[in-house]
Protein backbone atom coordinates (compact mmCIF):
# COMPACT_ATOMS: atom_id res chain seq x y z
CA MET A 1 1.42 -7.65 32.25
CA ILE A 2 4.69 -6.99 30.47
CA ASP A 3 7.54 -9.34 31.24
CA THR A 4 10.67 -7.71 32.57
CA ILE A 5 13.78 -8.23 30.51
CA ARG A 6 17.42 -8.75 31.23
CA PHE A 7 19.59 -7.10 28.65
CA ASN A 8 22.82 -9.08 28.65
CA ILE A 9 24.88 -6.72 26.51
CA TYR A 10 28.32 -7.97 25.50
CA LEU A 11 31.33 -5.90 26.60
CA VAL A 12 29.68 -2.51 27.12
CA ASN A 13 27.67 -1.59 30.22
CA ILE A 14 27.32 2.13 29.85
CA VAL A 15 25.15 3.71 32.50
CA THR A 16 23.84 7.19 31.74
CA SER A 17 22.01 9.03 34.43
CA ASP A 18 20.20 12.27 33.73
CA ASN A 19 21.82 13.38 30.47
CA PHE A 20 18.60 13.00 28.58
CA GLY A 21 17.99 16.72 28.42
CA SER A 22 17.30 19.62 30.72
CA HIS A 23 13.69 20.56 31.32
CA MET A 24 10.35 19.87 29.75
CA SER A 25 9.10 22.69 27.54
CA ALA A 26 6.24 24.85 28.73
CA SER A 27 4.16 23.76 25.76
CA ALA A 28 4.40 20.14 26.86
CA GLU A 29 3.42 21.03 30.42
CA ASP A 30 0.43 23.06 29.23
CA ILE A 31 -1.17 20.34 27.13
CA ASN A 32 -4.68 19.76 28.44
CA ARG A 33 -6.07 16.35 29.19
CA ARG A 34 -8.32 15.13 26.40
CA PRO A 35 -10.38 11.96 26.03
CA TYR A 36 -8.57 9.02 24.47
CA HIS A 37 -8.66 9.37 20.69
CA HIS A 38 -5.52 7.65 19.45
CA GLY A 39 -5.80 4.77 17.02
CA ASP A 40 -2.72 3.22 18.65
CA LEU A 41 -2.53 4.19 22.30
CA ARG A 42 0.49 2.03 23.10
CA ASN A 43 2.73 3.59 20.44
CA ALA A 44 1.42 7.07 21.24
CA LEU A 45 2.51 6.57 24.85
CA ILE A 46 5.92 5.24 23.80
CA ASP A 47 6.43 8.28 21.55
CA ALA A 48 5.45 10.60 24.38
CA GLY A 49 7.78 8.76 26.74
CA VAL A 50 10.70 9.19 24.37
CA ARG A 51 9.98 12.92 24.11
CA LEU A 52 9.99 13.25 27.88
CA LEU A 53 13.24 11.30 28.15
CA ALA A 54 14.87 13.73 25.75
CA GLU A 55 13.50 16.79 27.52
CA GLU A 56 13.55 15.88 31.22
CA GLY A 57 15.57 12.74 31.78
CA VAL A 58 14.74 9.24 32.87
CA HIS A 59 14.30 9.99 36.58
CA ALA A 60 11.67 12.66 35.87
CA LEU A 61 9.56 10.43 33.65
CA ASP A 62 6.24 9.21 35.03
CA LEU A 63 3.01 7.91 33.54
CA ARG A 64 0.98 11.02 34.41
CA LYS A 65 3.35 13.24 32.43
CA VAL A 66 3.35 10.77 29.57
CA ALA A 67 -0.45 10.74 29.54
CA ARG A 68 -0.59 14.53 29.55
CA LEU A 69 1.87 14.83 26.68
CA ALA A 70 0.03 12.14 24.68
CA GLY A 71 -3.23 13.98 25.25
CA VAL A 72 -5.03 11.19 27.10
CA SER A 73 -6.43 10.68 30.60
CA HIS A 74 -4.11 9.84 33.48
CA ALA A 75 -5.63 6.37 33.65
CA ALA A 76 -5.09 5.57 29.95
CA PRO A 77 -1.42 4.42 30.18
CA TYR A 78 -2.41 1.64 32.59
CA ARG A 79 -4.21 -0.11 29.75
CA HIS A 80 -0.76 -1.07 28.46
CA PHE A 81 1.81 -0.34 31.17
CA GLN A 82 1.46 -1.27 34.82
CA ASP A 83 4.11 1.24 35.87
CA LYS A 84 6.97 3.45 34.68
CA GLN A 85 9.33 0.49 34.49
CA ALA A 86 7.06 -1.30 32.03
CA LEU A 87 7.01 1.79 29.81
CA LEU A 88 10.81 2.05 29.94
CA LEU A 89 11.03 -1.60 28.91
CA ALA A 90 8.71 -0.99 25.97
CA ILE A 91 10.80 2.00 24.87
CA VAL A 92 13.99 -0.06 25.03
CA GLU A 93 12.40 -2.85 23.00
CA GLU A 94 11.21 -0.36 20.40
CA GLY A 95 14.70 1.14 20.26
CA PHE A 96 16.30 -2.22 19.55
CA ARG A 97 13.62 -2.94 16.95
CA ARG A 98 14.45 0.32 15.18
CA LEU A 99 18.16 -0.33 15.37
CA GLY A 100 17.69 -3.80 13.94
CA LEU A 101 15.60 -2.43 11.09
CA ALA A 102 18.20 0.24 10.29
CA VAL A 103 20.97 -2.37 10.20
CA GLU A 104 18.89 -4.77 8.11
CA GLN A 105 18.05 -2.11 5.53
CA THR A 106 21.66 -0.93 5.32
CA LEU A 107 23.06 -4.42 4.84
CA ALA A 108 20.46 -5.22 2.19
CA ALA A 109 21.53 -2.12 0.25
CA ASN A 110 25.24 -3.00 0.27
CA ASP A 111 27.45 -5.65 -1.25
CA THR A 112 27.61 -8.91 0.71
CA GLU A 113 31.43 -8.82 0.93
CA PRO A 114 32.24 -9.06 4.67
CA THR A 115 34.44 -5.96 4.94
CA THR A 116 31.87 -3.87 3.08
CA GLN A 117 29.11 -5.20 5.33
CA LEU A 118 31.13 -4.51 8.46
CA LEU A 119 31.66 -0.89 7.42
CA ALA A 120 28.01 -0.45 6.44
CA MET A 121 26.76 -1.87 9.72
CA GLY A 122 29.06 0.39 11.71
CA LYS A 123 27.81 3.48 9.92
CA ALA A 124 24.18 2.43 10.40
CA TYR A 125 24.78 1.98 14.14
CA VAL A 126 26.35 5.41 14.58
CA LEU A 127 23.73 7.17 12.46
CA PHE A 128 20.97 5.51 14.47
CA ALA A 129 22.54 6.84 17.68
CA ILE A 130 22.70 10.44 16.48
CA ASP A 131 19.24 10.28 14.91
CA GLN A 132 17.60 8.62 17.95
CA PRO A 133 19.66 9.76 20.96
CA ALA A 134 16.89 9.29 23.56
CA TYR A 135 16.36 5.70 22.46
CA PHE A 136 20.10 5.04 22.24
CA ARG A 137 20.87 6.34 25.74
CA LEU A 138 18.09 4.36 27.37
CA MET A 139 18.90 1.15 25.48
CA PHE A 140 22.32 0.96 27.12
CA SER A 141 21.59 2.72 30.41
CA GLY A 142 20.50 -0.28 32.47
CA HIS A 143 17.40 1.54 33.74
CA SER A 144 15.08 -1.15 32.37
CA ASN A 145 17.24 -4.00 33.68
CA THR A 146 15.46 -4.87 36.93
CA SER A 147 15.20 -8.65 36.74
CA THR A 148 17.72 -11.41 37.22
CA GLU A 149 15.36 -13.87 35.52
CA PRO A 150 15.75 -14.45 31.77
CA SER A 151 12.71 -13.78 29.60
CA GLU A 152 11.52 -14.90 26.20
CA GLN A 153 12.57 -11.48 24.87
CA GLU A 154 16.16 -11.67 26.08
CA ASN A 155 17.53 -11.97 22.54
CA THR A 156 16.08 -8.60 21.54
CA ALA A 157 19.20 -6.79 22.72
CA LYS A 158 21.52 -9.33 21.10
CA THR A 159 20.12 -9.30 17.58
CA SER A 160 22.52 -6.75 16.13
CA PHE A 161 25.47 -8.42 17.82
CA ARG A 162 24.51 -11.76 16.28
CA VAL A 163 24.38 -10.09 12.86
CA LEU A 164 27.85 -8.66 13.47
CA MET A 165 29.10 -12.09 14.54
CA GLY A 166 27.70 -13.54 11.32
CA ILE A 167 29.63 -11.02 9.23
CA ILE A 168 32.86 -11.81 11.07
CA GLN A 169 32.35 -15.56 10.69
CA ARG A 170 31.65 -15.25 6.96
CA GLY A 171 34.84 -13.24 6.61
CA GLN A 172 36.75 -15.99 8.40
CA GLU A 173 35.19 -18.70 6.26
CA GLN A 174 36.22 -16.80 3.13
CA GLY A 175 39.76 -16.38 4.43
CA LYS A 176 39.44 -12.59 4.69
CA PHE A 177 39.61 -12.28 8.48
CA VAL A 178 42.01 -13.89 10.92
CA GLY A 179 40.88 -17.06 12.66
CA THR A 180 40.80 -15.52 16.15
CA ASP A 181 37.71 -16.09 18.30
CA PRO A 182 34.93 -14.44 16.23
CA GLU A 183 33.18 -13.21 19.37
CA LEU A 184 36.32 -11.31 20.42
CA LEU A 185 36.63 -9.75 16.96
CA ALA A 186 32.96 -8.78 16.99
CA GLN A 187 33.30 -7.26 20.47
CA THR A 188 36.30 -5.24 19.33
CA ALA A 189 34.47 -3.84 16.30
CA TRP A 190 31.36 -3.12 18.36
CA ALA A 191 33.32 -1.43 21.15
CA MET A 192 34.90 0.91 18.60
CA VAL A 193 31.61 1.84 16.96
CA HIS A 194 29.65 2.07 20.22
CA GLY A 195 32.31 4.32 21.69
CA ILE A 196 32.12 6.68 18.73
CA ALA A 197 28.32 6.71 18.87
CA THR A 198 28.24 7.41 22.62
CA LEU A 199 30.81 10.21 22.39
CA LEU A 200 28.89 11.83 19.53
CA VAL A 201 25.55 11.62 21.35
CA ASP A 202 27.12 13.19 24.45
CA ASP A 203 28.89 15.91 22.39
CA GLN A 204 32.32 14.76 23.54
CA LEU A 205 34.00 14.88 20.13
CA GLU A 206 35.09 17.90 18.14
CA ILE A 207 32.71 17.06 15.35
CA ASP A 208 29.18 18.25 14.69
CA SER A 209 26.88 15.24 14.95
CA ALA A 210 24.53 17.03 12.53
CA ASP A 211 27.23 16.81 9.85
CA ARG A 212 26.37 13.34 8.60
CA GLU A 213 29.18 13.25 6.06
CA ALA A 214 31.74 13.99 8.75
CA VAL A 215 30.20 11.38 11.06
CA GLU A 216 30.27 8.73 8.33
CA ARG A 217 33.84 9.64 7.42
CA MET A 218 34.99 9.31 11.03
CA THR A 219 33.23 5.97 11.39
CA GLN A 220 34.73 4.76 8.12
CA ASP A 221 38.25 5.74 9.23
CA ALA A 222 37.84 4.03 12.60
CA LEU A 223 36.50 0.83 11.10
CA ASP A 224 39.22 0.85 8.44
CA LEU A 225 41.68 0.54 11.34
CA VAL A 226 39.67 -2.35 12.80
CA CYS A 227 39.48 -4.09 9.45
CA ARG A 228 43.23 -3.75 8.88
CA GLY A 229 43.75 -5.34 12.27
CA ILE A 230 41.54 -8.36 11.66
CA GLU A 231 42.18 -8.98 7.96
CA GLN A 232 44.10 -12.12 7.09
CA ARG A 233 47.70 -11.51 6.07
CA LEU A 234 48.41 -13.50 2.93
């Protein structure tokens, strides 16, 4: 049994409905059922679920379709997921894990100076969104948020925000950022970056999300404005 999770996301509660794609391809529909042969059934089902989210949308997703796309029997998904909601939860958790890994790798590859880290983290966040749009949409859609009870996994959705808070606080300790409430500063930076990422994923900006240089340049310019606003005036 998979615990349900409450994703208490700071500031942003973006609910997307069916903008996960149009229709499932004929090739996906025509895949025949085959006996279970995956070495990792759980991850195979998550991958198939993400594909269906991108092609059909969250409301069209069900475990039978996921099983068919993964090439396993209709009963196989129930070895790991009791229902569609449990699969959605697993996809969200995997999305946050991937986002956290992307941020961690980016920060490790950059100078530890707070402003540099803030810019690097912002770019990593936006690039994750355009590279993994199905994950990104579901992570902030609220579709997996069905419980009012906290769980042991509640911090999964807050990991990146805590990292951002840490960068802001280090900047304040070093006298680089103003001494305003660090949570407010972190929310402001996140709101800017999340807004850019969401608009890019939904094709609402006059910029090609496939043009990574243009995406990084836009993110850099936006975060430069944020940094100028929170930097300490000497």
